[in-house]
Amino acid sequence: MFYISMYACVYADVSGQVTKETTKLTKNKDVVKNYSYDSADNKSAFKVKVGDATKLSLSYEYDGSSRLISV
């Protein structure tokens, strides 16, 4: 499923969590944000690309109680 606004397309998985958001920056460049989730539905990764260049990449780790322990 995806939603379209004036500036962005947002894609969600079957549980409704955002997996990808694309925003038009210029005619030839988009800002793409990708989100990944673990089996407990915690965010496990986040990446931002502008055009072909990765500008930010984060990984998240949780303990057995789904508490964030590292980024």
C-alpha atoms as a PDB file:
ATOM      1  CA  MET A   1       0.000   0.000   0.000  1.00  0.00           C
ATOM      2  CA  PHE A   2       1.179   3.551  -0.504  1.00  0.00           C
ATOM      3  CA  TYR A   3      -0.053   7.065   0.073  1.00  0.00           C
ATOM      4  CA  ILE A   4       0.630  10.034  -2.167  1.00  0.00           C
ATOM      5  CA  SER A   5       0.877  13.626  -1.022  1.00  0.00           C
ATOM      6  CA  MET A   6       2.027  16.700  -2.856  1.00  0.00           C
ATOM      7  CA  TYR A   7       5.663  15.980  -2.067  1.00  0.00           C
ATOM      8  CA  ALA A   8       6.050  12.370  -1.013  1.00  0.00           C
ATOM      9  CA  CYS A   9       5.060   8.779  -1.589  1.00  0.00           C
ATOM     10  CA  VAL A  10       4.904   6.645   1.532  1.00  0.00           C
ATOM     11  CA  TYR A  11       4.848   2.859   1.407  1.00  0.00           C
ATOM     12  CA  ALA A  12       3.733   0.709   4.318  1.00  0.00           C
ATOM     13  CA  ASP A  13       3.846  -3.013   5.047  1.00  0.00           C
ATOM     14  CA  VAL A  14       0.779  -5.114   5.900  1.00  0.00           C
ATOM     15  CA  SER A  15       0.997  -4.121   9.576  1.00  0.00           C
ATOM     16  CA  GLY A  16       0.882  -0.435   8.610  1.00  0.00           C
ATOM     17  CA  GLN A  17       4.496   0.384   9.407  1.00  0.00           C
ATOM     18  CA  VAL A  18       6.214   2.785   7.039  1.00  0.00           C
ATOM     19  CA  THR A  19       8.856   0.982   4.968  1.00  0.00           C
ATOM     20  CA  LYS A  20       9.763   3.646   2.417  1.00  0.00           C
ATOM     21  CA  GLU A  21       9.207   7.366   1.964  1.00  0.00           C
ATOM     22  CA  THR A  22      10.195   9.149  -1.234  1.00  0.00           C
ATOM     23  CA  THR A  23      10.245  12.939  -1.487  1.00  0.00           C
ATOM     24  CA  LYS A  24      11.000  14.869  -4.665  1.00  0.00           C
ATOM     25  CA  LEU A  25      14.024  17.098  -4.055  1.00  0.00           C
ATOM     26  CA  THR A  26      14.681  18.306  -7.600  1.00  0.00           C
ATOM     27  CA  LYS A  27      13.679  17.156 -11.060  1.00  0.00           C
ATOM     28  CA  ASN A  28      16.425  14.512 -11.075  1.00  0.00           C
ATOM     29  CA  LYS A  29      16.897  13.769  -7.360  1.00  0.00           C
ATOM     30  CA  ASP A  30      14.711  12.161  -4.750  1.00  0.00           C
ATOM     31  CA  VAL A  31      15.227  11.800  -1.024  1.00  0.00           C
ATOM     32  CA  VAL A  32      14.469   8.179  -0.161  1.00  0.00           C
ATOM     33  CA  LYS A  33      14.072   7.017   3.436  1.00  0.00           C
ATOM     34  CA  ASN A  34      13.986   3.246   4.003  1.00  0.00           C
ATOM     35  CA  TYR A  35      12.863   1.656   7.257  1.00  0.00           C
ATOM     36  CA  SER A  36      13.319  -1.992   8.288  1.00  0.00           C
ATOM     37  CA  TYR A  37      11.772  -3.833  11.225  1.00  0.00           C
ATOM     38  CA  ASP A  38      12.672  -6.938  13.202  1.00  0.00           C
ATOM     39  CA  SER A  39      10.337  -9.841  13.998  1.00  0.00           C
ATOM     40  CA  ALA A  40       9.061  -7.979  17.101  1.00  0.00           C
ATOM     41  CA  ASP A  41       8.105  -4.967  14.913  1.00  0.00           C
ATOM     42  CA  ASN A  42      10.918  -2.811  16.314  1.00  0.00           C
ATOM     43  CA  LYS A  43      12.667  -0.532  13.841  1.00  0.00           C
ATOM     44  CA  SER A  44      15.925  -2.327  12.998  1.00  0.00           C
ATOM     45  CA  ALA A  45      17.396  -0.042  10.330  1.00  0.00           C
ATOM     46  CA  PHE A  46      16.945   3.392   8.811  1.00  0.00           C
ATOM     47  CA  LYS A  47      18.665   4.677   5.677  1.00  0.00           C
ATOM     48  CA  VAL A  48      18.491   8.019   3.858  1.00  0.00           C
ATOM     49  CA  LYS A  49      19.628   8.387   0.262  1.00  0.00           C
ATOM     50  CA  VAL A  50      19.740  11.561  -1.815  1.00  0.00           C
ATOM     51  CA  GLY A  51      19.935  10.570  -5.440  1.00  0.00           C
ATOM     52  CA  ASP A  52      22.380   7.649  -5.499  1.00  0.00           C
ATOM     53  CA  ALA A  53      24.338   8.741  -2.407  1.00  0.00           C
ATOM     54  CA  THR A  54      23.653   7.271   1.030  1.00  0.00           C
ATOM     55  CA  LYS A  55      23.621  10.179   3.490  1.00  0.00           C
ATOM     56  CA  LEU A  56      22.666   8.312   6.668  1.00  0.00           C
ATOM     57  CA  SER A  57      22.549   4.662   7.697  1.00  0.00           C
ATOM     58  CA  LEU A  58      21.534   3.545  11.187  1.00  0.00           C
ATOM     59  CA  SER A  59      21.020   0.135  12.793  1.00  0.00           C
ATOM     60  CA  TYR A  60      19.047  -0.401  15.981  1.00  0.00           C
ATOM     61  CA  GLU A  61      19.445  -3.212  18.531  1.00  0.00           C
ATOM     62  CA  TYR A  62      17.015  -4.211  21.265  1.00  0.00           C
ATOM     63  CA  ASP A  63      17.149  -6.442  24.314  1.00  0.00           C
ATOM     64  CA  GLY A  64      14.727  -9.329  24.934  1.00  0.00           C
ATOM     65  CA  SER A  65      12.123  -6.891  26.272  1.00  0.00           C
ATOM     66  CA  SER A  66      12.248  -4.766  23.087  1.00  0.00           C
ATOM     67  CA  ARG A  67      14.111  -1.951  24.829  1.00  0.00           C
ATOM     68  CA  LEU A  68      16.523  -0.058  22.608  1.00  0.00           C
ATOM     69  CA  ILE A  69      20.111  -0.834  23.621  1.00  0.00           C
ATOM     70  CA  SER A  70      22.153   0.600  20.754  1.00  0.00           C
ATOM     71  CA  VAL A  71      22.010   2.712  17.601  1.00  0.00           C
END
